Amino acid sequence: MKKGLLFQIFHLYYDGFRKMTLGKTLWTIILIKLAIIFLVLKLFFFPDFINTNAKNGDKAGFVSKEILNR
C-alpha cells in the first residue's frame, strides 16, 4: 500500500531529527539565541506607544487619529 506524500515527507524529517545528536544541541542553542534576541528587541526598541498615549483605553481612537494626522 502506497503511503501519502505528506506522510513520507513527515517521516523523512522526523527520522532525521530523531537520529541527530549534535544537531539537536545546535538547534536548541539557535532557538534560545533567537528568543533572547527577539525579547531584547521588543523590550528596548519597540516601546508600547499605544498604551502610554491612549486616553482612557481608547486605543482605536488614538490609532485612527494618528493615521489621519500623518
Protein backbone atom coordinates (compact mmCIF):
# COMPACT_ATOMS: atom_id res chain seq x y z
CA MET A 1 0.00 0.00 0.00
CA LYS A 2 1.45 3.35 -1.04
CA LYS A 3 1.68 5.92 1.72
CA GLY A 4 0.83 9.55 1.10
CA LEU A 5 3.43 12.05 0.04
CA LEU A 6 2.87 14.18 3.14
CA PHE A 7 3.44 11.18 5.39
CA GLN A 8 6.67 10.32 3.57
CA ILE A 9 7.95 13.89 3.90
CA PHE A 10 7.00 13.98 7.59
CA HIS A 11 8.67 10.62 8.22
CA LEU A 12 11.86 11.79 6.46
CA TYR A 13 12.19 14.84 8.72
CA TYR A 14 11.04 13.00 11.85
CA ASP A 15 13.55 10.21 11.33
CA GLY A 16 16.34 12.68 10.56
CA PHE A 17 15.76 14.81 13.65
CA ARG A 18 15.34 11.73 15.85
CA LYS A 19 18.78 10.38 14.92
CA MET A 20 20.60 13.70 15.34
CA THR A 21 22.96 14.11 18.26
CA LEU A 22 25.00 17.26 17.69
CA GLY A 23 22.27 18.86 15.59
CA LYS A 24 19.76 18.81 18.44
CA THR A 25 22.16 20.72 20.65
CA LEU A 26 22.89 23.25 17.93
CA TRP A 27 19.19 23.78 17.14
CA THR A 28 18.49 24.27 20.85
CA ILE A 29 21.22 26.91 21.08
CA ILE A 30 19.91 28.65 17.94
CA LEU A 31 16.34 28.75 19.27
CA ILE A 32 17.46 30.09 22.66
CA LYS A 33 19.52 32.82 20.97
CA LEU A 34 16.60 33.81 18.74
CA ALA A 35 14.25 34.01 21.71
CA ILE A 36 16.69 36.22 23.62
CA ILE A 37 17.27 38.47 20.60
CA PHE A 38 13.54 38.98 19.98
CA LEU A 39 12.81 39.61 23.66
CA VAL A 40 15.58 42.23 23.87
CA LEU A 41 14.42 43.90 20.66
CA LYS A 42 10.84 44.05 21.86
CA LEU A 43 11.68 45.38 25.30
CA PHE A 44 14.19 48.05 24.35
CA PHE A 45 13.49 49.07 20.76
CA PHE A 46 9.71 48.79 20.44
CA PRO A 47 8.08 50.61 23.35
CA ASP A 48 4.31 50.44 23.72
CA PHE A 49 3.21 53.86 22.43
CA ILE A 50 -0.47 52.99 22.16
CA ASN A 51 -0.98 52.11 25.83
CA THR A 52 1.05 55.08 27.05
CA ASN A 53 -0.60 57.68 24.79
CA ALA A 54 -4.20 56.46 24.52
CA LYS A 55 -6.55 58.16 26.97
CA ASN A 56 -9.00 56.07 28.99
CA GLY A 57 -8.39 52.93 26.95
CA ASP A 58 -9.42 54.50 23.63
CA LYS A 59 -6.80 52.69 21.57
CA ALA A 60 -8.83 52.63 18.35
CA GLY A 61 -9.42 56.37 18.53
CA PHE A 62 -5.74 57.05 19.15
CA VAL A 63 -4.65 54.89 16.22
CA SER A 64 -7.19 56.40 13.81
CA LYS A 65 -6.21 59.94 14.87
CA GLU A 66 -2.52 59.17 14.35
CA ILE A 67 -3.14 57.62 10.93
CA LEU A 68 -5.30 60.50 9.73
CA ASN A 69 -2.95 63.22 11.01
CA ARG A 70 0.13 61.82 9.32
